[in-house]
Amino acid sequence: MFDPFRNLTNEEIKKKLNDWWEDLPYLKKIEILLRVYPGYSITKLESRGIAKMWKAISLERKKDLCQDNWQY
């Protein structure tokens, strides 16, 4: 499987992931966060702060989410 993060430093990976996240449409961000936090509703995600919820996700999980998104 193609790994777009291979040979990148952690800082480069973080920047690439944050750029990817910022370019996503709002509803796609919600969809992704609902996969990470299945017990949450859209309202709960919004009240907690979408950016804050994204930052709480581990780097490895963010990489998985990014790669999963490219499959669809």
PDB file of N, CA and C in Angstrom:
ATOM      1  N   MET A   1       0.841  -1.179   0.000  1.00  0.00           N
ATOM      2  CA  MET A   1       0.000   0.000   0.000  1.00  0.00           C
ATOM      3  C   MET A   1       0.886   1.242   0.000  1.00  0.00           C
ATOM      4  N   PHE A   2       0.482   2.237  -0.720  1.00  0.00           N
ATOM      5  CA  PHE A   2       1.222   3.481  -0.826  1.00  0.00           C
ATOM      6  C   PHE A   2       1.166   4.248   0.498  1.00  0.00           C
ATOM      7  N   ASP A   3       2.309   4.653   1.004  1.00  0.00           N
ATOM      8  CA  ASP A   3       2.379   5.413   2.248  1.00  0.00           C
ATOM      9  C   ASP A   3       2.894   6.817   1.942  1.00  0.00           C
ATOM     10  N   PRO A   4       1.999   7.815   1.915  1.00  0.00           N
ATOM     11  CA  PRO A   4       2.426   9.178   1.586  1.00  0.00           C
ATOM     12  C   PRO A   4       3.277   9.820   2.682  1.00  0.00           C
ATOM     13  N   PHE A   5       3.408   9.165   3.829  1.00  0.00           N
ATOM     14  CA  PHE A   5       4.151   9.722   4.951  1.00  0.00           C
ATOM     15  C   PHE A   5       5.540   9.115   5.116  1.00  0.00           C
ATOM     16  N   ARG A   6       5.851   8.145   4.286  1.00  0.00           N
ATOM     17  CA  ARG A   6       7.155   7.504   4.376  1.00  0.00           C
ATOM     18  C   ARG A   6       8.250   8.523   4.077  1.00  0.00           C
ATOM     19  N   ASN A   7       9.323   8.441   4.794  1.00  0.00           N
ATOM     20  CA  ASN A   7      10.488   9.307   4.629  1.00  0.00           C
ATOM     21  C   ASN A   7      10.241  10.764   5.028  1.00  0.00           C
ATOM     22  N   LEU A   8       9.197  11.033   5.787  1.00  0.00           N
ATOM     23  CA  LEU A   8       8.934  12.381   6.287  1.00  0.00           C
ATOM     24  C   LEU A   8       9.227  12.433   7.777  1.00  0.00           C
ATOM     25  N   THR A   9       9.645  13.594   8.246  1.00  0.00           N
ATOM     26  CA  THR A   9       9.834  13.774   9.688  1.00  0.00           C
ATOM     27  C   THR A   9       8.467  13.963  10.343  1.00  0.00           C
ATOM     28  N   ASN A  10       8.416  13.849  11.662  1.00  0.00           N
ATOM     29  CA  ASN A  10       7.156  14.054  12.374  1.00  0.00           C
ATOM     30  C   ASN A  10       6.591  15.446  12.109  1.00  0.00           C
ATOM     31  N   GLU A  11       7.445  16.439  12.057  1.00  0.00           N
ATOM     32  CA  GLU A  11       6.975  17.809  11.788  1.00  0.00           C
ATOM     33  C   GLU A  11       6.388  17.924  10.383  1.00  0.00           C
ATOM     34  N   GLU A  12       7.021  17.280   9.414  1.00  0.00           N
ATOM     35  CA  GLU A  12       6.494  17.298   8.046  1.00  0.00           C
ATOM     36  C   GLU A  12       5.167  16.559   7.962  1.00  0.00           C
ATOM     37  N   ILE A  13       5.059  15.455   8.689  1.00  0.00           N
ATOM     38  CA  ILE A  13       3.800  14.693   8.721  1.00  0.00           C
ATOM     39  C   ILE A  13       2.699  15.540   9.333  1.00  0.00           C
ATOM     40  N   LYS A  14       2.998  16.189  10.453  1.00  0.00           N
ATOM     41  CA  LYS A  14       1.997  17.041  11.109  1.00  0.00           C
ATOM     42  C   LYS A  14       1.526  18.151  10.177  1.00  0.00           C
ATOM     43  N   LYS A  15       2.459  18.779   9.471  1.00  0.00           N
ATOM     44  CA  LYS A  15       2.089  19.855   8.553  1.00  0.00           C
ATOM     45  C   LYS A  15       1.226  19.319   7.416  1.00  0.00           C
ATOM     46  N   LYS A  16       1.620  18.189   6.864  1.00  0.00           N
ATOM     47  CA  LYS A  16       0.852  17.595   5.762  1.00  0.00           C
ATOM     48  C   LYS A  16      -0.569  17.243   6.214  1.00  0.00           C
ATOM     49  N   LEU A  17      -0.687  16.655   7.409  1.00  0.00           N
ATOM     50  CA  LEU A  17      -2.000  16.294   7.936  1.00  0.00           C
ATOM     51  C   LEU A  17      -2.849  17.521   8.224  1.00  0.00           C
ATOM     52  N   ASN A  18      -2.238  18.549   8.796  1.00  0.00           N
ATOM     53  CA  ASN A  18      -2.995  19.766   9.095  1.00  0.00           C
ATOM     54  C   ASN A  18      -3.432  20.481   7.824  1.00  0.00           C
ATOM     55  N   ASP A  19      -2.580  20.490   6.810  1.00  0.00           N
ATOM     56  CA  ASP A  19      -2.968  21.070   5.520  1.00  0.00           C
ATOM     57  C   ASP A  19      -4.132  20.293   4.917  1.00  0.00           C
ATOM     58  N   TRP A  20      -4.051  18.970   4.975  1.00  0.00           N
ATOM     59  CA  TRP A  20      -5.129  18.122   4.464  1.00  0.00           C
ATOM     60  C   TRP A  20      -6.422  18.414   5.207  1.00  0.00           C
ATOM     61  N   TRP A  21      -6.339  18.494   6.536  1.00  0.00           N
ATOM     62  CA  TRP A  21      -7.520  18.731   7.370  1.00  0.00           C
ATOM     63  C   TRP A  21      -8.139  20.093   7.044  1.00  0.00           C
ATOM     64  N   GLU A  22      -7.324  21.110   6.932  1.00  0.00           N
ATOM     65  CA  GLU A  22      -7.833  22.458   6.673  1.00  0.00           C
ATOM     66  C   GLU A  22      -8.503  22.566   5.305  1.00  0.00           C
ATOM     67  N   ASP A  23      -8.080  21.740   4.358  1.00  0.00           N
ATOM     68  CA  ASP A  23      -8.664  21.779   3.013  1.00  0.00           C
ATOM     69  C   ASP A  23      -9.980  21.001   2.902  1.00  0.00           C
ATOM     70  N   LEU A  24     -10.301  20.224   3.909  1.00  0.00           N
ATOM     71  CA  LEU A  24     -11.531  19.435   3.856  1.00  0.00           C
ATOM     72  C   LEU A  24     -12.767  20.315   4.044  1.00  0.00           C
ATOM     73  N   PRO A  25     -13.853  19.969   3.365  1.00  0.00           N
ATOM     74  CA  PRO A  25     -15.115  20.671   3.628  1.00  0.00           C
ATOM     75  C   PRO A  25     -15.596  20.371   5.059  1.00  0.00           C
ATOM     76  N   TYR A  26     -16.354  21.290   5.603  1.00  0.00           N
ATOM     77  CA  TYR A  26     -16.821  21.183   6.984  1.00  0.00           C
ATOM     78  C   TYR A  26     -17.532  19.845   7.260  1.00  0.00           C
ATOM     79  N   LEU A  27     -18.424  19.455   6.378  1.00  0.00           N
ATOM     80  CA  LEU A  27     -19.187  18.226   6.611  1.00  0.00           C
ATOM     81  C   LEU A  27     -18.298  16.983   6.565  1.00  0.00           C
ATOM     82  N   LYS A  28     -17.255  17.023   5.781  1.00  0.00           N
ATOM     83  CA  LYS A  28     -16.310  15.896   5.735  1.00  0.00           C
ATOM     84  C   LYS A  28     -15.561  15.798   7.059  1.00  0.00           C
ATOM     85  N   LYS A  29     -15.206  16.954   7.638  1.00  0.00           N
ATOM     86  CA  LYS A  29     -14.560  16.960   8.948  1.00  0.00           C
ATOM     87  C   LYS A  29     -15.466  16.322   9.992  1.00  0.00           C
ATOM     88  N   ILE A  30     -16.739  16.692   9.952  1.00  0.00           N
ATOM     89  CA  ILE A  30     -17.713  16.116  10.890  1.00  0.00           C
ATOM     90  C   ILE A  30     -17.789  14.604  10.701  1.00  0.00           C
ATOM     91  N   GLU A  31     -17.870  14.171   9.452  1.00  0.00           N
ATOM     92  CA  GLU A  31     -17.952  12.736   9.148  1.00  0.00           C
ATOM     93  C   GLU A  31     -16.747  11.980   9.710  1.00  0.00           C
ATOM     94  N   ILE A  32     -15.572  12.536   9.532  1.00  0.00           N
ATOM     95  CA  ILE A  32     -14.356  11.895  10.029  1.00  0.00           C
ATOM     96  C   ILE A  32     -14.364  11.835  11.551  1.00  0.00           C
ATOM     97  N   LEU A  33     -14.726  12.940  12.190  1.00  0.00           N
ATOM     98  CA  LEU A  33     -14.747  12.962  13.656  1.00  0.00           C
ATOM     99  C   LEU A  33     -15.794  12.011  14.225  1.00  0.00           C
ATOM    100  N   LEU A  34     -16.897  11.828  13.533  1.00  0.00           N
ATOM    101  CA  LEU A  34     -17.907  10.868  13.993  1.00  0.00           C
ATOM    102  C   LEU A  34     -17.383   9.438  13.940  1.00  0.00           C
ATOM    103  N   ARG A  35     -16.454   9.159  13.027  1.00  0.00           N
ATOM    104  CA  ARG A  35     -15.823   7.836  12.984  1.00  0.00           C
ATOM    105  C   ARG A  35     -14.883   7.652  14.173  1.00  0.00           C
ATOM    106  N   VAL A  36     -14.205   8.727  14.555  1.00  0.00           N
ATOM    107  CA  VAL A  36     -13.256   8.665  15.671  1.00  0.00           C
ATOM    108  C   VAL A  36     -13.992   8.633  17.010  1.00  0.00           C
ATOM    109  N   TYR A  37     -15.067   9.397  17.093  1.00  0.00           N
ATOM    110  CA  TYR A  37     -15.852   9.508  18.328  1.00  0.00           C
ATOM    111  C   TYR A  37     -17.273   9.012  18.056  1.00  0.00           C
ATOM    112  N   PRO A  38     -17.468   7.698  17.935  1.00  0.00           N
ATOM    113  CA  PRO A  38     -18.772   7.168  17.514  1.00  0.00           C
ATOM    114  C   PRO A  38     -19.914   7.456  18.492  1.00  0.00           C
ATOM    115  N   GLY A  39     -19.630   7.710  19.749  1.00  0.00           N
ATOM    116  CA  GLY A  39     -20.677   8.000  20.717  1.00  0.00           C
ATOM    117  C   GLY A  39     -21.132   9.444  20.711  1.00  0.00           C
ATOM    118  N   TYR A  40     -20.467  10.270  19.936  1.00  0.00           N
ATOM    119  CA  TYR A  40     -20.781  11.698  19.916  1.00  0.00           C
ATOM    120  C   TYR A  40     -21.806  12.009  18.828  1.00  0.00           C
ATOM    121  N   SER A  41     -22.571  13.055  19.052  1.00  0.00           N
ATOM    122  CA  SER A  41     -23.469  13.582  18.024  1.00  0.00           C
ATOM    123  C   SER A  41     -22.773  14.764  17.354  1.00  0.00           C
ATOM    124  N   ILE A  42     -23.330  15.218  16.268  1.00  0.00           N
ATOM    125  CA  ILE A  42     -22.768  16.387  15.588  1.00  0.00           C
ATOM    126  C   ILE A  42     -22.776  17.580  16.524  1.00  0.00           C
ATOM    127  N   THR A  43     -23.853  17.748  17.256  1.00  0.00           N
ATOM    128  CA  THR A  43     -23.970  18.864  18.191  1.00  0.00           C
ATOM    129  C   THR A  43     -22.891  18.803  19.261  1.00  0.00           C
ATOM    130  N   LYS A  44     -22.631  17.614  19.776  1.00  0.00           N
ATOM    131  CA  LYS A  44     -21.606  17.466  20.811  1.00  0.00           C
ATOM    132  C   LYS A  44     -20.222  17.777  20.249  1.00  0.00           C
ATOM    133  N   LEU A  45     -19.938  17.315  19.031  1.00  0.00           N
ATOM    134  CA  LEU A  45     -18.651  17.626  18.400  1.00  0.00           C
ATOM    135  C   LEU A  45     -18.490  19.136  18.238  1.00  0.00           C
ATOM    136  N   GLU A  46     -19.545  19.783  17.762  1.00  0.00           N
ATOM    137  CA  GLU A  46     -19.476  21.222  17.549  1.00  0.00           C
ATOM    138  C   GLU A  46     -19.316  21.976  18.865  1.00  0.00           C
ATOM    139  N   SER A  47     -19.990  21.524  19.900  1.00  0.00           N
ATOM    140  CA  SER A  47     -19.890  22.220  21.182  1.00  0.00           C
ATOM    141  C   SER A  47     -18.506  22.050  21.817  1.00  0.00           C
ATOM    142  N   ARG A  48     -17.879  20.927  21.553  1.00  0.00           N
ATOM    143  CA  ARG A  48     -16.528  20.686  22.082  1.00  0.00           C
ATOM    144  C   ARG A  48     -15.460  21.367  21.235  1.00  0.00           C
ATOM    145  N   GLY A  49     -15.813  21.716  20.026  1.00  0.00           N
ATOM    146  CA  GLY A  49     -14.865  22.383  19.125  1.00  0.00           C
ATOM    147  C   GLY A  49     -14.227  21.395  18.175  1.00  0.00           C
ATOM    148  N   ILE A  50     -14.537  21.536  16.912  1.00  0.00           N
ATOM    149  CA  ILE A  50     -14.048  20.594  15.905  1.00  0.00           C
ATOM    150  C   ILE A  50     -12.521  20.614  15.832  1.00  0.00           C
ATOM    151  N   ALA A  51     -11.928  21.798  15.864  1.00  0.00           N
ATOM    152  CA  ALA A  51     -10.461  21.892  15.805  1.00  0.00           C
ATOM    153  C   ALA A  51      -9.838  21.249  17.040  1.00  0.00           C
ATOM    154  N   LYS A  52     -10.442  21.460  18.183  1.00  0.00           N
ATOM    155  CA  LYS A  52      -9.934  20.888  19.435  1.00  0.00           C
ATOM    156  C   LYS A  52     -10.038  19.358  19.411  1.00  0.00           C
ATOM    157  N   MET A  53     -11.131  18.847  18.883  1.00  0.00           N
ATOM    158  CA  MET A  53     -11.316  17.400  18.802  1.00  0.00           C
ATOM    159  C   MET A  53     -10.290  16.789  17.848  1.00  0.00           C
ATOM    160  N   TRP A  54      -9.990  17.475  16.752  1.00  0.00           N
ATOM    161  CA  TRP A  54      -8.988  17.004  15.799  1.00  0.00           C
ATOM    162  C   TRP A  54      -7.612  16.953  16.458  1.00  0.00           C
ATOM    163  N   LYS A  55      -7.277  17.992  17.204  1.00  0.00           N
ATOM    164  CA  LYS A  55      -5.968  18.049  17.859  1.00  0.00           C
ATOM    165  C   LYS A  55      -5.784  16.932  18.887  1.00  0.00           C
ATOM    166  N   ALA A  56      -6.878  16.448  19.454  1.00  0.00           N
ATOM    167  CA  ALA A  56      -6.809  15.406  20.479  1.00  0.00           C
ATOM    168  C   ALA A  56      -6.510  14.019  19.903  1.00  0.00           C
ATOM    169  N   ILE A  57      -6.618  13.868  18.605  1.00  0.00           N
ATOM    170  CA  ILE A  57      -6.391  12.571  17.958  1.00  0.00           C
ATOM    171  C   ILE A  57      -4.887  12.342  17.807  1.00  0.00           C
ATOM    172  N   SER A  58      -4.444  11.123  18.046  1.00  0.00           N
ATOM    173  CA  SER A  58      -3.019  10.798  17.930  1.00  0.00           C
ATOM    174  C   SER A  58      -2.546  10.935  16.479  1.00  0.00           C
ATOM    175  N   LEU A  59      -1.265  11.150  16.328  1.00  0.00           N
ATOM    176  CA  LEU A  59      -0.672  11.296  15.006  1.00  0.00           C
ATOM    177  C   LEU A  59      -0.893  10.045  14.156  1.00  0.00           C
ATOM    178  N   GLU A  60      -0.727   8.880  14.757  1.00  0.00           N
ATOM    179  CA  GLU A  60      -0.924   7.628  14.008  1.00  0.00           C
ATOM    180  C   GLU A  60      -2.370   7.496  13.527  1.00  0.00           C
ATOM    181  N   ARG A  61      -3.305   7.855  14.378  1.00  0.00           N
ATOM    182  CA  ARG A  61      -4.727   7.769  14.005  1.00  0.00           C
ATOM    183  C   ARG A  61      -5.039   8.765  12.894  1.00  0.00           C
ATOM    184  N   LYS A  62      -4.460   9.961  12.980  1.00  0.00           N
ATOM    185  CA  LYS A  62      -4.671  10.957  11.925  1.00  0.00           C
ATOM    186  C   LYS A  62      -4.142  10.452  10.587  1.00  0.00           C
ATOM    187  N   LYS A  63      -2.984   9.806  10.615  1.00  0.00           N
ATOM    188  CA  LYS A  63      -2.429   9.242   9.381  1.00  0.00           C
ATOM    189  C   LYS A  63      -3.381   8.198   8.807  1.00  0.00           C
ATOM    190  N   ASP A  64      -3.923   7.340   9.670  1.00  0.00           N
ATOM    191  CA  ASP A  64      -4.879   6.327   9.213  1.00  0.00           C
ATOM    192  C   ASP A  64      -6.120   6.972   8.600  1.00  0.00           C
ATOM    193  N   LEU A  65      -6.620   8.002   9.239  1.00  0.00           N
ATOM    194  CA  LEU A  65      -7.818   8.689   8.741  1.00  0.00           C
ATOM    195  C   LEU A  65      -7.563   9.315   7.380  1.00  0.00           C
ATOM    196  N   CYS A  66      -6.407   9.917   7.223  1.00  0.00           N
ATOM    197  CA  CYS A  66      -6.050  10.537   5.951  1.00  0.00           C
ATOM    198  C   CYS A  66      -5.959   9.475   4.853  1.00  0.00           C
ATOM    199  N   GLN A  67      -5.287   8.382   5.147  1.00  0.00           N
ATOM    200  CA  GLN A  67      -5.141   7.320   4.151  1.00  0.00           C
ATOM    201  C   GLN A  67      -6.487   6.666   3.848  1.00  0.00           C
ATOM    202  N   ASP A  68      -7.332   6.482   4.861  1.00  0.00           N
ATOM    203  CA  ASP A  68      -8.667   5.915   4.628  1.00  0.00           C
ATOM    204  C   ASP A  68      -9.491   6.825   3.743  1.00  0.00           C
ATOM    205  N   ASN A  69      -9.353   8.115   3.925  1.00  0.00           N
ATOM    206  CA  ASN A  69     -10.124   9.081   3.151  1.00  0.00           C
ATOM    207  C   ASN A  69      -9.756   9.023   1.672  1.00  0.00           C
ATOM    208  N   TRP A  70      -8.504   8.729   1.358  1.00  0.00           N
ATOM    209  CA  TRP A  70      -8.086   8.655  -0.036  1.00  0.00           C
ATOM    210  C   TRP A  70      -8.665   7.457  -0.754  1.00  0.00           C
ATOM    211  N   GLN A  71      -9.111   6.462   0.009  1.00  0.00           N
ATOM    212  CA  GLN A  71      -9.682   5.259  -0.604  1.00  0.00           C
ATOM    213  C   GLN A  71     -11.095   5.490  -1.117  1.00  0.00           C
ATOM    214  N   TYR A  72     -11.747   6.566  -0.647  1.00  0.00           N
ATOM    215  CA  TYR A  72     -13.158   6.790  -1.013  1.00  0.00           C
ATOM    216  C   TYR A  72     -13.334   7.884  -2.007  1.00  0.00           C
TER     217      TYR A  72
END
